[in-house]
C-alpha atoms as a PDB file:
ATOM      1  CA  MET A   1      -0.253  -0.323   0.159  1.00  0.00           C
ATOM      2  CA  ALA A   2       1.315   3.431  -1.217  1.00  0.00           C
ATOM      3  CA  ALA A   3       2.163   6.143   1.816  1.00  0.00           C
ATOM      4  CA  VAL A   4       0.105   8.795   1.860  1.00  0.00           C
ATOM      5  CA  THR A   5       1.419  12.006   1.396  1.00  0.00           C
ATOM      6  CA  HIS A   6       0.082  15.536   2.457  1.00  0.00           C
ATOM      7  CA  PRO A   7       1.266  18.631   0.610  1.00  0.00           C
ATOM      8  CA  THR A   8       3.420  21.002   2.522  1.00  0.00           C
ATOM      9  CA  PRO A   9       1.624  24.207   3.671  1.00  0.00           C
ATOM     10  CA  ALA A  10       2.511  27.367   1.803  1.00  0.00           C
ATOM     11  CA  LEU A  11       4.909  29.581   4.203  1.00  0.00           C
ATOM     12  CA  PRO A  12       3.119  32.524   4.779  1.00  0.00           C
ATOM     13  CA  THR A  13       4.252  35.862   3.758  1.00  0.00           C
ATOM     14  CA  ASP A  14       6.587  37.961   6.355  1.00  0.00           C
ATOM     15  CA  VAL A  15       5.325  41.792   6.621  1.00  0.00           C
ATOM     16  CA  LEU A  16       6.844  44.471   8.526  1.00  0.00           C
ATOM     17  CA  LEU A  17       4.809  47.778   9.134  1.00  0.00           C
ATOM     18  CA  ALA A  18       6.821  51.079   9.651  1.00  0.00           C
ATOM     19  CA  ASP A  19       4.790  54.011  10.662  1.00  0.00           C
ATOM     20  CA  ASP A  20       5.401  56.819  13.245  1.00  0.00           C
ATOM     21  CA  ASP A  21       1.334  56.951  14.191  1.00  0.00           C
ATOM     22  CA  PRO A  22       0.839  53.827  16.181  1.00  0.00           C
ATOM     23  CA  VAL A  23      -2.754  53.882  15.387  1.00  0.00           C
ATOM     24  CA  VAL A  24      -1.668  53.774  11.831  1.00  0.00           C
ATOM     25  CA  ARG A  25       0.350  50.907  12.606  1.00  0.00           C
ATOM     26  CA  PHE A  26      -2.593  49.122  14.615  1.00  0.00           C
ATOM     27  CA  GLY A  27      -4.825  49.586  11.866  1.00  0.00           C
ATOM     28  CA  LEU A  28      -2.751  48.072   9.278  1.00  0.00           C
ATOM     29  CA  LYS A  29      -2.106  45.024  11.842  1.00  0.00           C
ATOM     30  CA  MET A  30      -5.921  44.607  12.097  1.00  0.00           C
ATOM     31  CA  MET A  31      -6.537  45.233   8.252  1.00  0.00           C
ATOM     32  CA  LEU A  32      -3.886  42.296   7.786  1.00  0.00           C
ATOM     33  CA  SER A  33      -4.693  39.760  10.420  1.00  0.00           C
ATOM     34  CA  GLY A  34      -7.930  38.338   8.442  1.00  0.00           C
ATOM     35  CA  ALA A  35      -5.371  36.597   5.501  1.00  0.00           C
ATOM     36  CA  ALA A  36      -3.949  33.608   6.899  1.00  0.00           C
ATOM     37  CA  ASP A  37      -1.220  33.698   4.117  1.00  0.00           C
ATOM     38  CA  LEU A  38      -0.009  37.114   5.633  1.00  0.00           C
ATOM     39  CA  ARG A  39       1.884  37.516   9.131  1.00  0.00           C
ATOM     40  CA  VAL A  40       3.121  40.576  10.573  1.00  0.00           C
ATOM     41  CA  VAL A  41       6.684  39.841  12.372  1.00  0.00           C
ATOM     42  CA  ALA A  42       7.566  43.118  13.355  1.00  0.00           C
ATOM     43  CA  GLU A  43       6.542  46.775  13.761  1.00  0.00           C
ATOM     44  CA  ALA A  44       9.028  50.367  13.853  1.00  0.00           C
ATOM     45  CA  SER A  45       8.102  53.570  14.360  1.00  0.00           C
ATOM     46  CA  ASP A  46      10.555  55.159  11.858  1.00  0.00           C
ATOM     47  CA  GLY A  47      13.560  54.519   8.998  1.00  0.00           C
ATOM     48  CA  ALA A  48      15.908  53.309  11.197  1.00  0.00           C
ATOM     49  CA  GLU A  49      14.355  51.190  12.896  1.00  0.00           C
ATOM     50  CA  ALA A  50      12.862  49.518   9.940  1.00  0.00           C
ATOM     51  CA  VAL A  51      16.066  48.920   8.544  1.00  0.00           C
ATOM     52  CA  GLU A  52      16.824  47.065  11.556  1.00  0.00           C
ATOM     53  CA  LEU A  53      14.084  45.144  12.103  1.00  0.00           C
ATOM     54  CA  ALA A  54      14.344  43.898   8.882  1.00  0.00           C
ATOM     55  CA  ARG A  55      17.430  42.726  10.038  1.00  0.00           C
ATOM     56  CA  ARG A  56      16.687  40.430  12.210  1.00  0.00           C
ATOM     57  CA  HIS A  57      13.277  39.330  11.100  1.00  0.00           C
ATOM     58  CA  HIS A  58      13.763  38.864   7.196  1.00  0.00           C
ATOM     59  CA  PRO A  59      10.645  40.308   6.252  1.00  0.00           C
ATOM     60  CA  ASP A  60       9.299  39.522   2.238  1.00  0.00           C
ATOM     61  CA  VAL A  61       7.200  43.039   2.177  1.00  0.00           C
ATOM     62  CA  VAL A  62       8.048  46.186   4.177  1.00  0.00           C
ATOM     63  CA  LEU A  63       4.841  48.569   4.069  1.00  0.00           C
ATOM     64  CA  MET A  64       7.110  51.934   4.553  1.00  0.00           C
ATOM     65  CA  ASP A  65       5.633  55.107   5.283  1.00  0.00           C
ATOM     66  CA  ILE A  66       7.530  58.017   3.830  1.00  0.00           C
ATOM     67  CA  ARG A  67       7.659  60.777   6.086  1.00  0.00           C
ATOM     68  CA  MET A  68       8.846  59.658   9.612  1.00  0.00           C
ATOM     69  CA  PRO A  69      10.914  61.460  12.275  1.00  0.00           C
ATOM     70  CA  GLY A  70      14.718  60.693  11.992  1.00  0.00           C
ATOM     71  CA  THR A  71      15.519  58.514   9.077  1.00  0.00           C
ATOM     72  CA  ASP A  72      12.385  58.586   6.792  1.00  0.00           C
ATOM     73  CA  GLY A  73      11.101  56.054   4.662  1.00  0.00           C
ATOM     74  CA  LEU A  74      12.790  57.439   1.259  1.00  0.00           C
ATOM     75  CA  THR A  75      16.478  56.461   3.076  1.00  0.00           C
ATOM     76  CA  ALA A  76      15.330  53.217   4.349  1.00  0.00           C
ATOM     77  CA  THR A  77      13.474  51.795   1.240  1.00  0.00           C
ATOM     78  CA  GLU A  78      17.163  52.649  -0.641  1.00  0.00           C
ATOM     79  CA  THR A  79      18.964  50.904   2.179  1.00  0.00           C
ATOM     80  CA  LEU A  80      16.411  47.931   2.170  1.00  0.00           C
ATOM     81  CA  ARG A  81      16.322  47.675  -1.572  1.00  0.00           C
ATOM     82  CA  SER A  82      20.301  47.619  -1.779  1.00  0.00           C
ATOM     83  CA  ARG A  83      20.779  44.658   0.320  1.00  0.00           C
ATOM     84  CA  THR A  84      20.985  41.295  -0.838  1.00  0.00           C
ATOM     85  CA  PRO A  85      18.157  39.569  -0.526  1.00  0.00           C
ATOM     86  CA  ALA A  86      16.044  42.457  -0.371  1.00  0.00           C
ATOM     87  CA  PRO A  87      12.542  42.694   0.695  1.00  0.00           C
ATOM     88  CA  GLN A  88       9.763  44.001  -1.690  1.00  0.00           C
ATOM     89  CA  VAL A  89       8.838  47.997   0.209  1.00  0.00           C
ATOM     90  CA  ILE A  90       5.193  49.406  -0.575  1.00  0.00           C
ATOM     91  CA  VAL A  91       4.951  53.018   0.165  1.00  0.00           C
ATOM     92  CA  LEU A  92       2.568  54.523   2.045  1.00  0.00           C
ATOM     93  CA  THR A  93       1.316  57.593   1.361  1.00  0.00           C
ATOM     94  CA  THR A  94      -1.744  60.139   1.541  1.00  0.00           C
ATOM     95  CA  PHE A  95      -0.765  61.873  -1.970  1.00  0.00           C
ATOM     96  CA  ASP A  96      -1.188  60.718  -5.552  1.00  0.00           C
ATOM     97  CA  ALA A  97       1.747  60.443  -7.371  1.00  0.00           C
ATOM     98  CA  ASP A  98       3.335  62.331  -4.758  1.00  0.00           C
ATOM     99  CA  ALA A  99       6.910  63.305  -6.120  1.00  0.00           C
ATOM    100  CA  HIS A 100       8.794  61.410  -3.124  1.00  0.00           C
ATOM    101  CA  VAL A 101       7.200  58.168  -4.460  1.00  0.00           C
ATOM    102  CA  LEU A 102       8.936  58.428  -7.600  1.00  0.00           C
ATOM    103  CA  ARG A 103      11.758  58.512  -5.531  1.00  0.00           C
ATOM    104  CA  ALA A 104      11.202  55.200  -3.865  1.00  0.00           C
ATOM    105  CA  LEU A 105       9.966  54.002  -7.129  1.00  0.00           C
ATOM    106  CA  ARG A 106      13.746  54.698  -8.678  1.00  0.00           C
ATOM    107  CA  ALA A 107      14.889  53.093  -5.610  1.00  0.00           C
ATOM    108  CA  GLY A 108      13.170  50.066  -6.323  1.00  0.00           C
ATOM    109  CA  ALA A 109       9.809  50.019  -4.547  1.00  0.00           C
ATOM    110  CA  ALA A 110       7.593  47.620  -5.843  1.00  0.00           C
ATOM    111  CA  GLY A 111       5.091  50.743  -5.935  1.00  0.00           C
ATOM    112  CA  PHE A 112       2.400  52.791  -3.519  1.00  0.00           C
ATOM    113  CA  LEU A 113      -0.633  52.037  -1.717  1.00  0.00           C
ATOM    114  CA  LEU A 114      -2.609  55.370  -0.009  1.00  0.00           C
ATOM    115  CA  LYS A 115      -3.380  55.083   3.260  1.00  0.00           C
ATOM    116  CA  ASP A 116      -6.838  54.784   2.723  1.00  0.00           C
ATOM    117  CA  THR A 117      -6.387  51.899   0.517  1.00  0.00           C
ATOM    118  CA  PRO A 118      -9.586  49.191   1.833  1.00  0.00           C
ATOM    119  CA  PRO A 119      -8.571  45.826   3.038  1.00  0.00           C
ATOM    120  CA  ASP A 120      -8.590  43.528   0.463  1.00  0.00           C
ATOM    121  CA  GLU A 121      -7.083  45.818  -1.995  1.00  0.00           C
ATOM    122  CA  LEU A 122      -4.085  46.051   0.695  1.00  0.00           C
ATOM    123  CA  VAL A 123      -4.039  42.464   1.221  1.00  0.00           C
ATOM    124  CA  VAL A 124      -3.807  41.713  -2.545  1.00  0.00           C
ATOM    125  CA  ALA A 125      -1.157  44.547  -2.919  1.00  0.00           C
ATOM    126  CA  ILE A 126       1.158  42.552  -0.505  1.00  0.00           C
ATOM    127  CA  ARG A 127       0.589  39.434  -2.286  1.00  0.00           C
ATOM    128  CA  HIS A 128       1.193  40.817  -6.098  1.00  0.00           C
ATOM    129  CA  ALA A 129       4.717  42.753  -4.061  1.00  0.00           C
ATOM    130  CA  ALA A 130       5.916  39.137  -2.616  1.00  0.00           C
ATOM    131  CA  GLN A 131       5.518  37.476  -5.916  1.00  0.00           C
ATOM    132  CA  GLY A 132       7.634  40.195  -7.819  1.00  0.00           C
ATOM    133  CA  ARG A 133       5.047  41.937  -9.122  1.00  0.00           C
ATOM    134  CA  PRO A 134       4.835  45.560  -9.340  1.00  0.00           C
ATOM    135  CA  VAL A 135       2.120  47.517  -6.830  1.00  0.00           C
ATOM    136  CA  LEU A 136       0.645  50.062  -9.911  1.00  0.00           C
ATOM    137  CA  SER A 137      -1.557  49.687 -12.491  1.00  0.00           C
ATOM    138  CA  PRO A 138      -0.965  50.831 -16.023  1.00  0.00           C
ATOM    139  CA  GLU A 139      -3.298  54.049 -15.490  1.00  0.00           C
ATOM    140  CA  VAL A 140      -1.762  55.030 -12.371  1.00  0.00           C
ATOM    141  CA  THR A 141       1.805  54.400 -13.883  1.00  0.00           C
ATOM    142  CA  ARG A 142       0.852  56.591 -16.831  1.00  0.00           C
ATOM    143  CA  ARG A 143      -0.412  59.206 -15.119  1.00  0.00           C
ATOM    144  CA  LEU A 144       2.846  59.226 -12.118  1.00  0.00           C
ATOM    145  CA  ILE A 145       4.839  59.210 -15.298  1.00  0.00           C
ATOM    146  CA  ALA A 146       3.004  62.058 -16.655  1.00  0.00           C
ATOM    147  CA  ARG A 147       3.832  64.545 -13.473  1.00  0.00           C
ATOM    148  CA  VAL A 148       7.897  63.811 -13.463  1.00  0.00           C
ATOM    149  CA  ALA A 149       9.402  66.929 -13.677  1.00  0.00           C
ATOM    150  CA  GLY A 150      12.764  68.141 -12.847  1.00  0.00           C
ATOM    151  CA  SER A 151      15.937  70.563 -13.451  1.00  0.00           C
ATOM    152  CA  ASP A 152      17.756  67.721 -14.662  1.00  0.00           C
ATOM    153  CA  GLN A 153      15.462  66.614 -17.198  1.00  0.00           C
ATOM    154  CA  ASP A 154      18.002  66.956 -19.399  1.00  0.00           C
ATOM    155  CA  THR A 155      20.819  64.852 -17.706  1.00  0.00           C
ATOM    156  CA  ARG A 156      18.814  62.040 -16.881  1.00  0.00           C
ATOM    157  CA  ARG A 157      17.829  62.022 -20.694  1.00  0.00           C
ATOM    158  CA  VAL A 158      21.377  61.515 -21.657  1.00  0.00           C
ATOM    159  CA  ALA A 159      21.821  58.573 -19.276  1.00  0.00           C
ATOM    160  CA  ALA A 160      18.894  56.847 -19.237  1.00  0.00           C
ATOM    161  CA  ARG A 161      19.115  56.847 -23.195  1.00  0.00           C
ATOM    162  CA  ARG A 162      22.733  55.297 -22.703  1.00  0.00           C
ATOM    163  CA  ARG A 163      21.388  52.358 -20.568  1.00  0.00           C
ATOM    164  CA  LEU A 164      19.019  51.936 -23.117  1.00  0.00           C
ATOM    165  CA  ASP A 165      21.642  51.425 -25.701  1.00  0.00           C
ATOM    166  CA  ALA A 166      22.360  47.872 -23.813  1.00  0.00           C
ATOM    167  CA  LEU A 167      19.245  46.272 -25.045  1.00  0.00           C
ATOM    168  CA  GLY A 168      18.579  45.059 -28.387  1.00  0.00           C
ATOM    169  CA  ASP A 169      15.808  46.127 -31.086  1.00  0.00           C
ATOM    170  CA  ARG A 170      12.954  43.840 -29.716  1.00  0.00           C
ATOM    171  CA  GLU A 171      14.219  44.711 -25.537  1.00  0.00           C
ATOM    172  CA  ARG A 172      13.439  48.347 -26.767  1.00  0.00           C
ATOM    173  CA  ALA A 173      10.568  48.156 -28.367  1.00  0.00           C
ATOM    174  CA  VAL A 174       9.250  46.272 -25.425  1.00  0.00           C
ATOM    175  CA  ALA A 175      10.530  48.769 -23.103  1.00  0.00           C
ATOM    176  CA  VAL A 176       9.051  51.271 -24.594  1.00  0.00           C
ATOM    177  CA  GLU A 177       5.645  49.861 -24.042  1.00  0.00           C
ATOM    178  CA  ILE A 178       5.962  49.318 -20.592  1.00  0.00           C
ATOM    179  CA  GLY A 179       7.167  52.552 -20.579  1.00  0.00           C
ATOM    180  CA  ALA A 180       3.405  53.382 -21.697  1.00  0.00           C
ATOM    181  CA  GLY A 181       2.255  51.492 -19.164  1.00  0.00           C
ATOM    182  CA  ARG A 182       1.179  48.495 -21.061  1.00  0.00           C
ATOM    183  CA  SER A 183       0.624  44.814 -19.563  1.00  0.00           C
ATOM    184  CA  ASN A 184       2.538  42.070 -20.984  1.00  0.00           C
ATOM    185  CA  ALA A 185      -0.612  40.475 -23.066  1.00  0.00           C
ATOM    186  CA  GLU A 186      -1.148  44.259 -24.343  1.00  0.00           C
ATOM    187  CA  ILE A 187       2.359  44.130 -26.068  1.00  0.00           C
ATOM    188  CA  ALA A 188       2.105  40.755 -27.146  1.00  0.00           C
ATOM    189  CA  ALA A 189      -1.174  41.436 -29.093  1.00  0.00           C
ATOM    190  CA  ARG A 190       0.478  44.532 -30.121  1.00  0.00           C
ATOM    191  CA  HIS A 191       3.786  43.102 -31.752  1.00  0.00           C
ATOM    192  CA  HIS A 192       2.174  39.762 -32.533  1.00  0.00           C
ATOM    193  CA  LEU A 193       4.505  37.715 -30.126  1.00  0.00           C
ATOM    194  CA  GLY A 194       3.737  35.012 -27.952  1.00  0.00           C
ATOM    195  CA  LEU A 195       2.854  36.126 -24.628  1.00  0.00           C
ATOM    196  CA  THR A 196       5.964  33.787 -23.589  1.00  0.00           C
ATOM    197  CA  THR A 197       8.098  35.729 -25.530  1.00  0.00           C
ATOM    198  CA  VAL A 198       7.184  38.780 -23.774  1.00  0.00           C
ATOM    199  CA  LYS A 199       8.050  37.434 -20.551  1.00  0.00           C
ATOM    200  CA  THR A 200      11.276  36.600 -21.825  1.00  0.00           C
ATOM    201  CA  HIS A 201      11.635  39.949 -23.289  1.00  0.00           C
ATOM    202  CA  VAL A 202      10.748  41.549 -20.209  1.00  0.00           C
ATOM    203  CA  SER A 203      13.270  39.277 -18.093  1.00  0.00           C
ATOM    204  CA  ALA A 204      16.091  40.047 -20.482  1.00  0.00           C
ATOM    205  CA  ILE A 205      15.442  43.890 -19.699  1.00  0.00           C
ATOM    206  CA  LEU A 206      15.880  43.464 -15.963  1.00  0.00           C
ATOM    207  CA  ALA A 207      18.479  41.724 -16.353  1.00  0.00           C
ATOM    208  CA  LYS A 208      20.649  44.177 -19.113  1.00  0.00           C
ATOM    209  CA  LEU A 209      19.232  47.248 -17.161  1.00  0.00           C
ATOM    210  CA  ASP A 210      20.307  46.061 -13.370  1.00  0.00           C
ATOM    211  CA  LEU A 211      16.276  46.594 -12.591  1.00  0.00           C
ATOM    212  CA  ASN A 212      13.899  45.332  -9.872  1.00  0.00           C
ATOM    213  CA  ASN A 213      10.588  45.699 -11.704  1.00  0.00           C
ATOM    214  CA  ARG A 214       8.323  47.113 -14.500  1.00  0.00           C
ATOM    215  CA  VAL A 215       7.895  50.305 -13.068  1.00  0.00           C
ATOM    216  CA  GLN A 216      11.684  51.445 -13.041  1.00  0.00           C
ATOM    217  CA  VAL A 217      12.187  50.367 -16.587  1.00  0.00           C
ATOM    218  CA  ALA A 218       8.932  52.879 -17.449  1.00  0.00           C
ATOM    219  CA  LEU A 219      10.835  55.370 -15.619  1.00  0.00           C
ATOM    220  CA  LEU A 220      13.930  54.897 -17.679  1.00  0.00           C
ATOM    221  CA  VAL A 221      12.029  55.250 -21.131  1.00  0.00           C
ATOM    222  CA  HIS A 222      10.887  58.348 -19.619  1.00  0.00           C
ATOM    223  CA  ASP A 223      13.768  59.649 -18.985  1.00  0.00           C
ATOM    224  CA  ALA A 224      14.892  58.831 -22.399  1.00  0.00           C
ATOM    225  CA  GLY A 225      11.833  60.947 -23.511  1.00  0.00           C
ATOM    226  CA  LEU A 226      10.366  57.590 -24.927  1.00  0.00           C
ATOM    227  CA  ALA A 227       7.479  57.074 -23.695  1.00  0.00           C
ATOM    228  CA  GLN A 228       4.702  57.388 -25.965  1.00  0.00           C
ATOM    229  CA  PRO A 229       1.000  57.933 -24.707  1.00  0.00           C
ATOM    230  CA  ASP A 230      -1.602  55.286 -25.402  1.00  0.00           C
ATOM    231  CA  GLN A 231      -3.396  56.483 -28.399  1.00  0.00           C
ATOM    232  CA  ASP A 232      -5.481  53.431 -29.022  1.00  0.00           C
END
């Protein structure tokens, strides 16, 4: 008689909360308590504490407030994302398309959420981030990039185009589509490619450009002046 095997239960996603307001942290913890696959492993009241607690607890995802006393969430995000392995970081903000969020995305944050995000959307966002998926819809990506401004635009454009020269022609075309906020399925349809082929190109783009996610690709394309608005 064959032995009966039981599937190994999936490990929960460990989450670290970083916000200087204990009421906000309590609310976030309560919202996540109903998801059996998520586990809050630590709470930090500033960026420096978040970095230290992340070193101790190795969370999969960090919910990071931007504005905290002492070490702010932006500096903490840059520190965490420079580590190996690096936790995914979701920036919490009260501002839609805040310029500070842009810096966090450039540092490799998975995306951002408004603090009044409904609990079910928060849970889904954390699951996506843990899987390495960006926490930004194509619409939000386009709106965010459209509002990017800065006095160093010309310098960024030259540097961005130099980086994009590392891509092949097809990879470059896919990168431009990512810059327009299009999904893999949309890119496949527009270029008559298989979905697997598009995914391969995206992986190659991330590897060649040494980037963490497609949001960073979109920002680089915008910096290069190659972003094309969706006219479909």
